[in-house]
N, C-alpha and C. Protein backbone atom coordinates (compact mmCIF):
# COMPACT_ATOMS: atom_id res chain seq x y z
N MET A 1 -16.10 -0.97 4.98
CA MET A 1 -15.42 0.28 5.28
C MET A 1 -15.93 1.37 4.41
N PRO A 2 -17.35 1.50 4.48
CA PRO A 2 -17.79 2.62 3.65
C PRO A 2 -17.21 4.00 4.23
N GLY A 3 -16.93 5.01 3.15
CA GLY A 3 -16.61 6.31 3.50
C GLY A 3 -15.13 6.46 3.60
N ILE A 4 -14.37 5.19 3.47
CA ILE A 4 -13.00 5.48 3.39
C ILE A 4 -12.45 5.82 1.93
N ASN A 5 -11.53 6.76 1.76
CA ASN A 5 -11.16 7.12 0.57
C ASN A 5 -9.64 7.40 0.67
N ALA A 6 -8.99 6.72 -0.21
CA ALA A 6 -7.48 6.87 -0.23
C ALA A 6 -7.06 8.28 -1.05
N GLY A 7 -7.98 9.07 -1.78
CA GLY A 7 -7.54 10.16 -2.36
C GLY A 7 -6.90 11.23 -1.48
N PHE A 8 -7.37 11.28 -0.02
CA PHE A 8 -6.56 12.23 0.63
C PHE A 8 -5.05 11.99 0.81
N ALA A 9 -4.64 11.07 0.53
CA ALA A 9 -3.22 10.68 0.67
C ALA A 9 -2.45 11.61 -0.42
N MET A 10 -3.31 12.01 -1.52
CA MET A 10 -2.46 12.82 -2.49
C MET A 10 -2.09 14.18 -1.97
N THR A 11 -2.83 14.54 -1.02
CA THR A 11 -2.43 15.82 -0.36
C THR A 11 -1.52 15.89 0.69
N LEU A 12 -1.00 14.71 1.17
CA LEU A 12 -0.02 14.62 2.29
C LEU A 12 1.21 15.01 1.89
N LYS A 13 1.99 15.60 2.94
CA LYS A 13 3.51 15.95 2.70
C LYS A 13 4.21 14.63 2.61
N PRO A 14 5.40 14.63 1.99
CA PRO A 14 6.08 13.41 1.71
C PRO A 14 6.31 12.44 3.00
N GLU A 15 6.64 13.05 4.06
CA GLU A 15 6.92 12.21 5.23
C GLU A 15 5.61 11.72 5.83
N ALA A 16 4.51 12.32 5.67
CA ALA A 16 3.19 11.76 6.22
C ALA A 16 2.75 10.74 5.31
N ALA A 17 2.99 10.89 3.95
CA ALA A 17 2.52 9.74 2.92
C ALA A 17 3.45 8.61 3.09
N ILE A 18 4.56 8.63 3.38
CA ILE A 18 5.35 7.47 3.68
C ILE A 18 4.95 6.66 5.01
N ARG A 19 4.58 7.53 6.01
CA ARG A 19 3.88 6.85 7.03
C ARG A 19 2.64 6.24 6.92
N TYR A 20 1.84 6.75 6.05
CA TYR A 20 0.45 6.28 5.58
C TYR A 20 0.90 4.99 4.80
N PHE A 21 1.83 4.76 3.96
CA PHE A 21 2.01 3.77 3.12
C PHE A 21 2.60 2.64 4.01
N GLU A 22 3.48 3.05 5.04
CA GLU A 22 4.10 2.06 5.95
C GLU A 22 2.97 1.33 6.76
N GLY A 23 1.90 2.15 7.09
CA GLY A 23 0.82 1.60 7.96
C GLY A 23 -0.09 0.61 7.32
N LYS A 24 -0.07 0.68 5.99
CA LYS A 24 -1.01 -0.25 5.26
C LYS A 24 -0.81 -1.77 5.58
N HIS A 25 -1.77 -2.59 5.68
CA HIS A 25 -1.71 -3.94 6.00
C HIS A 25 -1.50 -4.64 4.82
N LEU A 26 -0.68 -5.75 5.02
CA LEU A 26 -0.18 -6.36 3.75
C LEU A 26 -1.44 -7.58 3.43
N THR A 27 -1.86 -7.66 2.10
CA THR A 27 -3.06 -8.43 1.83
C THR A 27 -2.68 -9.17 0.63
N PRO A 28 -2.33 -10.48 0.64
CA PRO A 28 -2.02 -11.14 -0.60
C PRO A 28 -3.34 -11.50 -1.29
N THR A 29 -3.29 -11.21 -2.78
CA THR A 29 -4.54 -11.42 -3.43
C THR A 29 -3.88 -11.98 -4.96
N PHE A 30 -5.08 -12.58 -5.52
CA PHE A 30 -4.71 -13.06 -6.89
C PHE A 30 -4.82 -12.01 -7.86
N SER A 31 -5.81 -11.06 -7.58
CA SER A 31 -6.03 -9.89 -8.38
C SER A 31 -6.40 -8.54 -7.57
N TRP A 32 -5.87 -7.51 -7.95
CA TRP A 32 -5.99 -6.23 -7.25
C TRP A 32 -7.58 -6.04 -7.18
N LYS A 33 -8.39 -6.70 -7.93
CA LYS A 33 -9.92 -6.48 -7.89
C LYS A 33 -10.43 -7.25 -6.90
N ASP A 34 -9.65 -8.23 -6.25
CA ASP A 34 -10.17 -9.01 -4.97
C ASP A 34 -10.42 -8.11 -3.84
N LEU A 35 -9.87 -6.76 -3.73
CA LEU A 35 -10.19 -5.91 -2.77
C LEU A 35 -11.17 -4.89 -3.09
N GLU A 36 -12.22 -4.52 -2.30
CA GLU A 36 -13.09 -3.58 -2.33
C GLU A 36 -12.23 -2.19 -2.51
N ASP A 37 -12.84 -1.18 -3.25
CA ASP A 37 -12.22 0.17 -3.47
C ASP A 37 -11.61 0.60 -2.06
N GLU A 38 -12.73 0.64 -1.15
CA GLU A 38 -12.23 1.08 0.22
C GLU A 38 -11.15 0.44 0.80
N ALA A 39 -10.99 -0.84 0.59
CA ALA A 39 -10.08 -1.56 1.31
C ALA A 39 -8.56 -1.17 0.87
N HIS A 40 -8.51 -0.66 -0.38
CA HIS A 40 -7.13 -0.24 -0.95
C HIS A 40 -6.48 0.85 -0.18
N ALA A 41 -7.49 1.69 0.51
CA ALA A 41 -7.04 2.80 1.38
C ALA A 41 -6.25 2.41 2.56
N VAL A 42 -6.38 1.06 3.01
CA VAL A 42 -5.73 0.65 4.28
C VAL A 42 -4.97 -0.51 4.12
N GLN A 43 -5.10 -1.16 2.91
CA GLN A 43 -4.38 -2.41 2.81
C GLN A 43 -3.50 -2.21 1.33
N PHE A 44 -2.44 -3.05 1.50
CA PHE A 44 -1.38 -3.08 0.25
C PHE A 44 -1.43 -4.49 -0.42
N THR A 45 -1.61 -4.52 -1.69
CA THR A 45 -1.54 -5.75 -2.38
C THR A 45 -0.83 -5.61 -3.67
N VAL A 46 -0.30 -6.54 -4.25
CA VAL A 46 0.23 -6.66 -5.58
C VAL A 46 -0.32 -7.85 -6.24
N ALA A 47 -1.00 -7.62 -7.40
CA ALA A 47 -1.81 -8.69 -8.03
C ALA A 47 -0.84 -9.86 -8.33
N GLY A 48 -1.33 -11.01 -8.01
CA GLY A 48 -0.63 -12.25 -8.14
C GLY A 48 0.36 -12.53 -7.18
N ILE A 49 0.54 -11.77 -6.33
CA ILE A 49 1.73 -12.05 -5.17
C ILE A 49 0.92 -12.68 -4.05
N LEU A 50 1.03 -13.88 -3.91
CA LEU A 50 0.27 -14.69 -2.78
C LEU A 50 0.99 -15.17 -1.66
N LYS A 51 2.27 -14.92 -1.72
CA LYS A 51 3.23 -15.27 -0.52
C LYS A 51 3.48 -13.97 0.38
N LEU A 52 3.26 -14.10 1.49
CA LEU A 52 3.35 -12.82 2.40
C LEU A 52 4.79 -12.47 2.55
N ASP A 53 5.66 -13.12 2.50
CA ASP A 53 7.16 -12.84 2.53
C ASP A 53 7.62 -12.03 1.32
N VAL A 54 6.95 -12.46 0.14
CA VAL A 54 7.49 -11.79 -1.05
C VAL A 54 6.55 -10.43 -0.94
N LEU A 55 5.34 -10.35 -0.63
CA LEU A 55 4.50 -8.95 -0.61
C LEU A 55 5.28 -8.08 0.31
N ASN A 56 5.85 -8.55 1.60
CA ASN A 56 6.53 -7.73 2.51
C ASN A 56 7.69 -7.24 1.88
N ASP A 57 8.46 -7.97 1.14
CA ASP A 57 9.70 -7.56 0.50
C ASP A 57 9.47 -6.43 -0.50
N ILE A 58 8.40 -6.52 -1.28
CA ILE A 58 7.93 -5.57 -2.26
C ILE A 58 7.54 -4.17 -1.50
N HIS A 59 6.76 -4.20 -0.38
CA HIS A 59 6.31 -3.25 0.50
C HIS A 59 7.58 -2.52 1.11
N GLN A 60 8.38 -3.32 1.64
CA GLN A 60 9.68 -2.66 2.19
C GLN A 60 10.53 -2.00 1.25
N GLY A 61 10.57 -2.54 -0.04
CA GLY A 61 11.51 -1.89 -1.12
C GLY A 61 10.91 -0.73 -1.50
N LEU A 62 9.47 -0.61 -1.71
CA LEU A 62 8.87 0.73 -2.11
C LEU A 62 9.13 1.79 -1.06
N THR A 63 8.84 1.25 0.36
CA THR A 63 8.96 2.11 1.47
C THR A 63 10.27 2.89 1.32
N GLN A 64 11.42 1.99 1.29
CA GLN A 64 12.73 2.43 1.23
C GLN A 64 12.96 3.52 0.03
N ALA A 65 12.38 3.10 -1.08
CA ALA A 65 12.58 4.01 -2.32
C ALA A 65 11.97 5.36 -2.10
N MET A 66 10.74 5.34 -1.34
CA MET A 66 10.11 6.62 -1.20
C MET A 66 10.85 7.51 -0.08
N ALA A 67 11.40 6.80 0.78
CA ALA A 67 12.17 7.42 1.93
C ALA A 67 13.35 8.00 1.54
N ASN A 68 14.05 7.31 0.43
CA ASN A 68 15.32 7.94 -0.12
C ASN A 68 15.20 8.67 -1.47
N GLY A 69 14.02 8.87 -1.94
CA GLY A 69 13.68 9.67 -3.10
C GLY A 69 14.19 8.86 -4.22
N THR A 70 14.26 7.51 -4.27
CA THR A 70 14.95 6.76 -5.54
C THR A 70 13.58 6.20 -6.19
N THR A 71 13.76 5.62 -7.24
CA THR A 71 12.63 4.95 -8.04
C THR A 71 12.77 3.48 -8.04
């Protein structure tokens, strides 16, 4: 994935940033370092979360928090 850079997401309007985050593929990993830098632009992981259903719950919770403006 050379040339992919997640830095552009910092310039997105909130609605577009949420859509970008929602579109990331879930990738269970032991460490966030298990993904190459470019992969972080299109994949979502939480260090140590190896079960896909748990990772999905975290991703959905963060998506809802962003959409509702909560922490």
